[in-house]
Amino acid sequence: MADERLTATVAGLVQGVGFRYWTRAQAERLGLAGIAVNSPDGTVRITAEGPRPSLERLVTLLESDAPGRVDRVEAGYAKATGGFRGFDVG
């Protein structure tokens, strides 16, 4: 099974509450590589690569167990590019 790329935008109270670091811990536990970055509009943008089931599990975790308050997760999938080594917080 080929790896895929998840691009997700998470809206709500997700900045200043440890959300990106929590996301990194979840992604690492799932064996994903990528990055979580604060956006100027108050959202967090997540790009992650790995097996589709692990990416879908990350989205489920973002929607239910994340710190702060998640109002909305917009997620899309594409072919992985392989440009990440590990999971970073930007």
N, C-alpha and C. Protein backbone atom coordinates (compact mmCIF):
# COMPACT_ATOMS: atom_id res chain seq x y z
N MET A 1 0.84 -1.18 0.00
CA MET A 1 0.00 0.00 0.00
C MET A 1 0.89 1.25 0.00
N ALA A 2 0.69 2.14 -0.94
CA ALA A 2 1.49 3.35 -1.05
C ALA A 2 1.07 4.36 0.01
N ASP A 3 2.04 5.11 0.52
CA ASP A 3 1.75 6.18 1.47
C ASP A 3 0.95 7.28 0.80
N GLU A 4 0.19 7.99 1.61
CA GLU A 4 -0.58 9.13 1.15
C GLU A 4 -0.22 10.35 1.97
N ARG A 5 -0.70 11.49 1.49
CA ARG A 5 -0.47 12.77 2.19
C ARG A 5 -1.80 13.32 2.65
N LEU A 6 -1.87 13.63 3.94
CA LEU A 6 -3.01 14.31 4.52
C LEU A 6 -2.69 15.79 4.65
N THR A 7 -3.60 16.63 4.19
CA THR A 7 -3.51 18.06 4.46
C THR A 7 -4.78 18.42 5.21
N ALA A 8 -4.61 18.92 6.44
CA ALA A 8 -5.77 19.24 7.27
C ALA A 8 -5.64 20.64 7.85
N THR A 9 -6.76 21.32 7.92
CA THR A 9 -6.85 22.61 8.59
C THR A 9 -7.80 22.43 9.77
N VAL A 10 -7.32 22.79 10.96
CA VAL A 10 -8.09 22.60 12.18
C VAL A 10 -8.45 23.97 12.73
N ALA A 11 -9.76 24.21 12.89
CA ALA A 11 -10.26 25.49 13.40
C ALA A 11 -10.83 25.31 14.79
N GLY A 12 -10.76 26.36 15.58
CA GLY A 12 -11.27 26.36 16.94
C GLY A 12 -10.26 27.05 17.84
N LEU A 13 -10.25 26.68 19.11
CA LEU A 13 -9.24 27.19 20.04
C LEU A 13 -8.09 26.20 20.02
N VAL A 14 -7.19 26.36 19.04
CA VAL A 14 -6.13 25.38 18.82
C VAL A 14 -4.73 26.00 18.85
N GLN A 15 -4.63 27.27 19.16
CA GLN A 15 -3.33 27.91 19.30
C GLN A 15 -3.13 28.31 20.76
N GLY A 16 -1.91 28.08 21.26
CA GLY A 16 -1.58 28.44 22.63
C GLY A 16 -2.07 27.45 23.67
N VAL A 17 -2.45 26.25 23.25
CA VAL A 17 -2.97 25.23 24.18
C VAL A 17 -2.21 23.91 24.08
N GLY A 18 -1.07 23.89 23.38
CA GLY A 18 -0.29 22.67 23.22
C GLY A 18 -0.78 21.75 22.11
N PHE A 19 -1.67 22.26 21.28
CA PHE A 19 -2.28 21.45 20.23
C PHE A 19 -1.27 20.89 19.25
N ARG A 20 -0.33 21.69 18.77
CA ARG A 20 0.64 21.20 17.77
C ARG A 20 1.54 20.13 18.36
N TYR A 21 1.93 20.29 19.62
CA TYR A 21 2.81 19.31 20.26
C TYR A 21 2.06 18.01 20.54
N TRP A 22 0.79 18.12 20.90
CA TRP A 22 -0.05 16.94 21.08
C TRP A 22 -0.20 16.22 19.73
N THR A 23 -0.41 17.00 18.67
CA THR A 23 -0.55 16.42 17.33
C THR A 23 0.73 15.68 16.94
N ARG A 24 1.88 16.28 17.22
CA ARG A 24 3.15 15.62 16.91
C ARG A 24 3.25 14.28 17.65
N ALA A 25 2.88 14.25 18.93
CA ALA A 25 2.96 13.02 19.70
C ALA A 25 2.05 11.94 19.10
N GLN A 26 0.85 12.33 18.69
CA GLN A 26 -0.08 11.37 18.09
C GLN A 26 0.47 10.87 16.75
N ALA A 27 0.98 11.78 15.94
CA ALA A 27 1.52 11.41 14.63
C ALA A 27 2.71 10.47 14.78
N GLU A 28 3.59 10.76 15.72
CA GLU A 28 4.75 9.90 15.93
C GLU A 28 4.30 8.51 16.40
N ARG A 29 3.31 8.46 17.27
CA ARG A 29 2.78 7.18 17.75
C ARG A 29 2.20 6.36 16.60
N LEU A 30 1.63 7.06 15.61
CA LEU A 30 1.04 6.40 14.44
C LEU A 30 2.05 6.13 13.32
N GLY A 31 3.30 6.56 13.53
CA GLY A 31 4.34 6.33 12.53
C GLY A 31 4.28 7.27 11.34
N LEU A 32 3.71 8.46 11.54
CA LEU A 32 3.56 9.43 10.45
C LEU A 32 4.68 10.46 10.47
N ALA A 33 4.97 11.02 9.31
CA ALA A 33 5.92 12.11 9.17
C ALA A 33 5.16 13.34 8.69
N GLY A 34 5.65 14.53 9.04
CA GLY A 34 4.98 15.74 8.58
C GLY A 34 5.28 16.93 9.44
N ILE A 35 4.30 17.86 9.52
CA ILE A 35 4.49 19.11 10.25
C ILE A 35 3.14 19.69 10.66
N ALA A 36 3.11 20.38 11.79
CA ALA A 36 1.93 21.12 12.25
C ALA A 36 2.36 22.56 12.47
N VAL A 37 1.65 23.50 11.85
CA VAL A 37 2.04 24.91 11.86
C VAL A 37 0.83 25.79 12.20
N ASN A 38 1.05 26.78 13.07
CA ASN A 38 0.02 27.79 13.32
C ASN A 38 -0.13 28.67 12.10
N SER A 39 -1.37 29.01 11.76
CA SER A 39 -1.65 29.93 10.66
C SER A 39 -2.09 31.27 11.26
N PRO A 40 -1.86 32.38 10.52
CA PRO A 40 -2.23 33.70 11.03
C PRO A 40 -3.73 33.85 11.33
N ASP A 41 -4.58 33.04 10.70
CA ASP A 41 -6.02 33.16 10.93
C ASP A 41 -6.51 32.41 12.17
N GLY A 42 -5.58 31.84 12.95
CA GLY A 42 -5.93 31.14 14.18
C GLY A 42 -6.12 29.64 14.02
N THR A 43 -6.03 29.13 12.81
CA THR A 43 -6.14 27.70 12.59
C THR A 43 -4.76 27.05 12.70
N VAL A 44 -4.75 25.73 12.72
CA VAL A 44 -3.50 24.98 12.64
C VAL A 44 -3.56 24.15 11.37
N ARG A 45 -2.50 24.21 10.60
CA ARG A 45 -2.39 23.46 9.34
C ARG A 45 -1.49 22.26 9.58
N ILE A 46 -1.99 21.09 9.25
CA ILE A 46 -1.25 19.85 9.45
C ILE A 46 -1.04 19.18 8.10
N THR A 47 0.19 18.80 7.85
CA THR A 47 0.52 17.99 6.68
C THR A 47 1.21 16.75 7.21
N ALA A 48 0.70 15.59 6.86
CA ALA A 48 1.27 14.34 7.35
C ALA A 48 1.26 13.31 6.24
N GLU A 49 2.27 12.43 6.28
CA GLU A 49 2.36 11.37 5.29
C GLU A 49 2.51 10.02 5.97
N GLY A 50 1.89 9.02 5.36
CA GLY A 50 1.97 7.66 5.87
C GLY A 50 0.83 6.84 5.30
N PRO A 51 0.60 5.66 5.87
CA PRO A 51 -0.49 4.80 5.40
C PRO A 51 -1.85 5.46 5.65
N ARG A 52 -2.76 5.29 4.72
CA ARG A 52 -4.09 5.92 4.81
C ARG A 52 -4.80 5.60 6.13
N PRO A 53 -4.80 4.36 6.62
CA PRO A 53 -5.49 4.10 7.89
C PRO A 53 -4.91 4.91 9.06
N SER A 54 -3.61 5.11 9.07
CA SER A 54 -2.99 5.92 10.14
C SER A 54 -3.36 7.38 10.00
N LEU A 55 -3.42 7.88 8.78
CA LEU A 55 -3.83 9.26 8.55
C LEU A 55 -5.29 9.47 8.98
N GLU A 56 -6.13 8.52 8.66
CA GLU A 56 -7.54 8.62 9.05
C GLU A 56 -7.69 8.57 10.57
N ARG A 57 -6.87 7.77 11.23
CA ARG A 57 -6.89 7.70 12.69
C ARG A 57 -6.47 9.04 13.28
N LEU A 58 -5.46 9.69 12.69
CA LEU A 58 -5.04 11.00 13.17
C LEU A 58 -6.20 11.99 13.06
N VAL A 59 -6.91 11.99 11.95
CA VAL A 59 -8.05 12.90 11.79
C VAL A 59 -9.10 12.63 12.87
N THR A 60 -9.37 11.37 13.14
CA THR A 60 -10.33 11.02 14.19
C THR A 60 -9.87 11.56 15.54
N LEU A 61 -8.60 11.42 15.84
CA LEU A 61 -8.06 11.94 17.10
C LEU A 61 -8.17 13.46 17.16
N LEU A 62 -7.88 14.12 16.04
CA LEU A 62 -7.98 15.59 16.00
C LEU A 62 -9.41 16.04 16.30
N GLU A 63 -10.38 15.28 15.82
CA GLU A 63 -11.78 15.64 15.99
C GLU A 63 -12.32 15.35 17.38
N SER A 64 -11.64 14.47 18.13
CA SER A 64 -12.25 14.04 19.39
C SER A 64 -11.41 14.22 20.64
N ASP A 65 -10.11 14.02 20.57
CA ASP A 65 -9.29 13.98 21.79
C ASP A 65 -8.30 15.12 21.95
N ALA A 66 -8.26 16.04 21.03
CA ALA A 66 -7.24 17.09 21.02
C ALA A 66 -7.44 18.10 22.14
N PRO A 67 -6.34 18.69 22.61
CA PRO A 67 -6.46 19.76 23.60
C PRO A 67 -7.06 21.02 22.99
N GLY A 68 -7.56 21.88 23.83
CA GLY A 68 -8.21 23.09 23.33
C GLY A 68 -9.65 22.77 22.95
N ARG A 69 -10.09 23.40 21.89
CA ARG A 69 -11.45 23.14 21.38
C ARG A 69 -11.38 23.10 19.86
N VAL A 70 -11.75 21.97 19.30
CA VAL A 70 -11.75 21.81 17.85
C VAL A 70 -13.18 22.00 17.36
N ASP A 71 -13.37 23.02 16.54
CA ASP A 71 -14.69 23.27 15.95
C ASP A 71 -14.87 22.57 14.61
N ARG A 72 -13.76 22.45 13.87
CA ARG A 72 -13.87 21.91 12.51
C ARG A 72 -12.51 21.39 12.04
N VAL A 73 -12.53 20.26 11.36
CA VAL A 73 -11.33 19.72 10.70
C VAL A 73 -11.67 19.54 9.24
N GLU A 74 -10.94 20.23 8.38
CA GLU A 74 -11.08 20.06 6.93
C GLU A 74 -9.88 19.25 6.46
N ALA A 75 -10.13 18.08 5.91
CA ALA A 75 -9.05 17.17 5.55
C ALA A 75 -9.15 16.74 4.10
N GLY A 76 -7.99 16.63 3.47
CA GLY A 76 -7.92 16.13 2.11
C GLY A 76 -6.73 15.20 1.97
N TYR A 77 -6.79 14.31 1.01
CA TYR A 77 -5.74 13.31 0.80
C TYR A 77 -5.21 13.40 -0.63
N ALA A 78 -3.92 13.12 -0.75
CA ALA A 78 -3.26 13.11 -2.05
C ALA A 78 -2.12 12.09 -2.00
N LYS A 79 -1.43 11.95 -3.08
CA LYS A 79 -0.27 11.06 -3.14
C LYS A 79 0.87 11.67 -2.31
N ALA A 80 1.55 10.85 -1.54
CA ALA A 80 2.68 11.32 -0.73
C ALA A 80 3.84 11.75 -1.63
N THR A 81 4.59 12.74 -1.15
CA THR A 81 5.76 13.19 -1.89
C THR A 81 7.06 12.70 -1.26
N GLY A 82 6.98 12.24 0.00
CA GLY A 82 8.18 11.73 0.68
C GLY A 82 9.12 12.81 1.14
N GLY A 83 8.63 14.04 1.29
CA GLY A 83 9.50 15.15 1.65
C GLY A 83 9.72 15.36 3.13
N PHE A 84 9.19 14.50 3.99
CA PHE A 84 9.32 14.68 5.44
C PHE A 84 10.16 13.59 6.05
N ARG A 85 10.92 13.97 7.08
CA ARG A 85 11.66 13.03 7.91
C ARG A 85 11.25 13.34 9.35
N GLY A 86 10.45 12.49 9.93
CA GLY A 86 9.95 12.76 11.27
C GLY A 86 8.78 13.72 11.22
N PHE A 87 8.31 14.14 12.40
CA PHE A 87 7.18 15.06 12.48
C PHE A 87 7.64 16.30 13.24
N ASP A 88 7.51 17.46 12.61
CA ASP A 88 7.98 18.72 13.19
C ASP A 88 6.82 19.60 13.61
N VAL A 89 7.13 20.54 14.48
CA VAL A 89 6.21 21.59 14.87
C VAL A 89 6.81 22.89 14.36
N GLY A 90 6.04 23.61 13.53
CA GLY A 90 6.56 24.85 12.95
C GLY A 90 5.98 26.06 13.62
